[in-house]
């Protein structure tokens, strides 16, 4: 079951809350899902976000998929993710973060200031959105905080600058999972969703 949510804050951020329970009641845990680049038609209905949500709700975890406010070169979008996490944290016992592409970077950066997160999973994150929104730097912060991280990437991805993220993750001992695919994971959305949920759901249930 799904409901539309307006995320409080200074920007117009709207979201869809997918609940695991058929009656719409909320679970104890939720994952906030960050969409890909809004200027490349990225939105909360992205098939990779929906697939992750389906796999999470099947495991008893709710999912909040949101749209960014007006384009702000990665700055406002990172704030949007932080506001969405704040909304979730006020209503759930445990919160995780997930994002794809641009959203993967946003998720990692937002998570780096959230030591209370149960985990973060980034799919094909690009290394940097601007000089201040840096996924590689965020990995170091997340390691220091002890937040569990999984990086998923495509070996034939020629769209995102993912290599520095994966290389740094390997150096830090962060789990990485490779898919034989392109950046868009064509025909692999279900596999991606399962990989996200199998990592986050146990941590959200057991945290």
Protein backbone atom coordinates (compact mmCIF):
# COMPACT_ATOMS: atom_id res chain seq x y z
CA UNK A 1 0.00 0.00 0.00
CA UNK A 2 1.25 3.50 -0.82
CA UNK A 3 0.54 7.01 0.46
CA UNK A 4 1.74 10.42 -0.72
CA UNK A 5 3.81 12.36 1.81
CA UNK A 6 4.92 16.01 1.86
CA UNK A 7 8.36 16.31 3.50
CA UNK A 8 8.61 19.40 5.74
CA UNK A 9 11.38 21.91 5.05
CA UNK A 10 12.20 24.90 2.91
CA UNK A 11 11.85 23.06 -0.42
CA UNK A 12 8.95 21.36 -2.16
CA UNK A 13 9.77 17.69 -1.54
CA UNK A 14 7.09 15.08 -2.15
CA UNK A 15 7.35 11.38 -1.51
CA UNK A 16 5.59 8.05 -1.78
CA UNK A 17 5.53 5.86 1.32
CA UNK A 18 5.23 2.17 0.46
CA UNK A 19 4.13 0.17 3.50
CA UNK A 20 4.82 -3.50 4.07
CA UNK A 21 1.47 -4.06 5.79
CA UNK A 22 -1.55 -4.44 3.50
CA UNK A 23 -3.67 -2.25 5.78
CA UNK A 24 -1.27 0.69 5.42
CA UNK A 25 -0.01 0.56 9.00
CA UNK A 26 3.64 1.41 9.41
CA UNK A 27 6.41 -1.05 10.13
CA UNK A 28 9.11 -0.36 12.74
CA UNK A 29 11.73 0.32 10.05
CA UNK A 30 11.96 2.22 6.78
CA UNK A 31 14.43 2.87 3.96
CA UNK A 32 14.60 6.34 2.39
CA UNK A 33 15.21 6.00 -1.37
CA UNK A 34 16.98 8.77 -3.34
CA UNK A 35 16.24 8.97 -7.09
CA UNK A 36 18.73 9.55 -9.92
CA UNK A 37 19.54 12.90 -11.51
CA UNK A 38 16.43 15.12 -11.65
CA UNK A 39 17.67 16.87 -14.77
CA UNK A 40 17.90 13.48 -16.49
CA UNK A 41 14.26 12.63 -15.68
CA UNK A 42 15.16 10.99 -12.39
CA UNK A 43 12.16 10.66 -10.07
CA UNK A 44 10.76 8.54 -7.27
CA UNK A 45 9.03 6.21 -9.74
CA UNK A 46 12.39 5.04 -11.14
CA UNK A 47 12.19 1.28 -11.73
CA UNK A 48 15.29 0.57 -9.65
CA UNK A 49 13.82 2.43 -6.67
CA UNK A 50 10.48 0.67 -7.11
CA UNK A 51 12.21 -2.72 -7.32
CA UNK A 52 14.14 -2.01 -4.11
CA UNK A 53 10.92 -0.90 -2.43
CA UNK A 54 9.11 -4.06 -3.51
CA UNK A 55 11.91 -6.25 -2.16
CA UNK A 56 12.02 -4.32 1.13
CA UNK A 57 8.27 -4.38 1.73
CA UNK A 58 8.27 -8.10 1.00
CA UNK A 59 10.68 -8.36 3.94
CA UNK A 60 8.57 -6.26 6.29
CA UNK A 61 10.38 -2.93 5.81
CA UNK A 62 8.63 0.22 4.58
CA UNK A 63 10.18 2.43 1.87
CA UNK A 64 9.96 6.19 1.39
CA UNK A 65 10.72 7.17 -2.22
CA UNK A 66 11.00 10.94 -2.66
CA UNK A 67 11.42 13.54 -5.41
CA UNK A 68 13.91 16.38 -5.02
CA UNK A 69 12.84 20.00 -4.88
CA UNK A 70 13.99 22.54 -7.47
CA UNK A 71 17.40 21.80 -9.01
CA UNK A 72 20.24 23.06 -6.80
CA UNK A 73 23.42 21.42 -8.18
CA UNK A 74 23.46 18.70 -5.54
CA UNK A 75 23.31 21.01 -2.54
CA UNK A 76 19.57 21.30 -2.14
CA UNK A 77 19.13 17.68 -3.17
CA UNK A 78 21.39 16.56 -0.32
CA UNK A 79 19.32 18.69 2.04
CA UNK A 80 16.17 17.03 0.67
CA UNK A 81 17.55 13.62 1.54
CA UNK A 82 18.47 14.78 5.04
CA UNK A 83 14.97 16.19 5.56
CA UNK A 84 13.44 12.93 4.34
CA UNK A 85 15.59 10.99 6.82
CA UNK A 86 14.52 13.37 9.59
CA UNK A 87 10.87 12.81 8.68
CA UNK A 88 11.43 9.06 8.77
CA UNK A 89 13.41 9.12 12.03
CA UNK A 90 10.53 10.88 13.79
CA UNK A 91 8.13 8.08 12.81
CA UNK A 92 10.23 4.90 12.73
CA UNK A 93 12.51 3.12 15.17
CA UNK A 94 15.13 2.35 12.51
CA UNK A 95 16.04 4.07 9.22
CA UNK A 96 18.22 3.08 6.27
CA UNK A 97 19.21 4.92 3.09
CA UNK A 98 19.38 3.85 -0.54
CA UNK A 99 20.05 5.74 -3.76
CA UNK A 100 20.75 5.17 -7.43
CA UNK A 101 23.34 7.04 -9.53
CA UNK A 102 23.13 10.74 -8.54
CA UNK A 103 20.91 9.50 -5.72
CA UNK A 104 23.53 7.00 -4.65
CA UNK A 105 25.97 9.84 -4.07
CA UNK A 106 23.29 11.85 -2.27
CA UNK A 107 22.55 8.85 -0.03
CA UNK A 108 26.21 8.34 0.91
CA UNK A 109 26.75 12.03 1.67
CA UNK A 110 23.53 12.34 3.68
CA UNK A 111 24.37 9.17 5.62
CA UNK A 112 27.79 10.53 6.55
CA UNK A 113 26.14 12.95 9.00
CA UNK A 114 23.75 10.33 10.40
CA UNK A 115 25.50 7.95 12.80
CA UNK A 116 22.12 6.57 13.89
CA UNK A 117 21.38 5.00 10.48
CA UNK A 118 21.05 1.22 10.35
CA UNK A 119 22.79 1.11 6.96
CA UNK A 120 23.21 2.69 3.54
CA UNK A 121 23.28 1.06 0.11
CA UNK A 122 24.35 2.97 -3.01
CA UNK A 123 23.74 1.75 -6.56
CA UNK A 124 26.13 3.08 -9.23
CA UNK A 125 27.06 6.21 -7.26
CA UNK A 126 29.10 8.81 -9.08
CA UNK A 127 32.18 10.07 -7.25
CA UNK A 128 31.15 13.70 -6.89
CA UNK A 129 28.19 15.99 -7.58
CA UNK A 130 30.04 19.23 -6.85
CA UNK A 131 33.14 20.22 -4.83
CA UNK A 132 31.25 19.74 -1.55
CA UNK A 133 29.16 16.65 -2.29
CA UNK A 134 31.78 13.93 -2.53
CA UNK A 135 30.92 10.22 -2.22
CA UNK A 136 34.55 9.13 -1.81
CA UNK A 137 35.04 11.45 1.16
CA UNK A 138 31.70 10.28 2.60
CA UNK A 139 32.96 6.68 2.65
CA UNK A 140 35.74 7.67 5.05
CA UNK A 141 33.24 9.42 7.32
CA UNK A 142 30.87 6.44 7.25
CA UNK A 143 33.69 4.09 8.18
CA UNK A 144 34.56 6.26 11.17
CA UNK A 145 30.91 6.35 12.23
CA UNK A 146 30.57 2.59 11.86
CA UNK A 147 27.54 2.82 9.57
CA UNK A 148 27.21 -0.38 7.46
CA UNK A 149 27.65 0.31 3.72
CA UNK A 150 27.21 -1.71 0.53
CA UNK A 151 28.17 -0.36 -2.91
CA UNK A 152 26.55 -1.91 -5.98
CA UNK A 153 27.97 -1.11 -9.40
CA UNK A 154 27.83 -2.15 -13.06
CA UNK A 155 31.00 -3.33 -14.76
CA UNK A 156 29.96 -1.80 -18.11
CA UNK A 157 28.86 1.53 -16.66
CA UNK A 158 30.16 4.32 -18.89
CA UNK A 159 27.77 6.97 -17.51
CA UNK A 160 28.74 7.49 -13.87
CA UNK A 161 32.24 8.08 -12.53
CA UNK A 162 31.91 5.10 -10.18
CA UNK A 163 35.47 3.74 -10.18
CA UNK A 164 36.85 6.06 -7.44
CA UNK A 165 33.96 5.10 -5.16
CA UNK A 166 34.48 1.36 -5.64
CA UNK A 167 38.26 1.66 -5.29
CA UNK A 168 38.00 3.60 -2.04
CA UNK A 169 35.36 1.22 -0.71
CA UNK A 170 37.71 -1.70 -1.35
CA UNK A 171 40.54 0.09 0.46
CA UNK A 172 38.27 0.65 3.48
CA UNK A 173 36.94 -2.90 3.53
CA UNK A 174 33.44 -1.82 2.51
CA UNK A 175 31.44 -4.47 0.69
CA UNK A 176 31.04 -4.02 -3.08
CA UNK A 177 28.88 -6.06 -5.44
CA UNK A 178 29.44 -6.08 -9.21
CA UNK A 179 26.73 -6.60 -11.82
CA UNK A 180 27.48 -7.50 -15.42
CA UNK A 181 25.40 -4.63 -16.73
CA UNK A 182 25.37 -1.05 -17.95
CA UNK A 183 24.57 1.99 -15.83
CA UNK A 184 20.82 1.50 -16.16
CA UNK A 185 20.81 -2.18 -15.16
CA UNK A 186 18.54 -3.02 -18.07
CA UNK A 187 16.61 -6.18 -17.25
CA UNK A 188 18.28 -6.36 -13.84
CA UNK A 189 16.01 -4.14 -11.72
CA UNK A 190 14.67 -7.13 -9.79
CA UNK A 191 18.19 -8.38 -9.07
CA UNK A 192 19.21 -4.92 -7.92
CA UNK A 193 16.20 -4.66 -5.64
CA UNK A 194 17.01 -7.99 -4.04
CA UNK A 195 20.65 -6.98 -3.51
CA UNK A 196 19.55 -3.80 -1.76
CA UNK A 197 16.97 -5.52 0.43
CA UNK A 198 19.14 -8.48 1.40
CA UNK A 199 21.70 -6.04 2.79
CA UNK A 200 19.44 -3.46 4.45
CA UNK A 201 16.46 -5.47 5.71
CA UNK A 202 18.36 -7.65 8.24
CA UNK A 203 20.13 -4.59 9.63
CA UNK A 204 16.87 -2.69 9.96
CA UNK A 205 15.13 -5.58 11.65
CA UNK A 206 18.00 -6.41 13.99
CA UNK A 207 19.31 -2.91 14.78
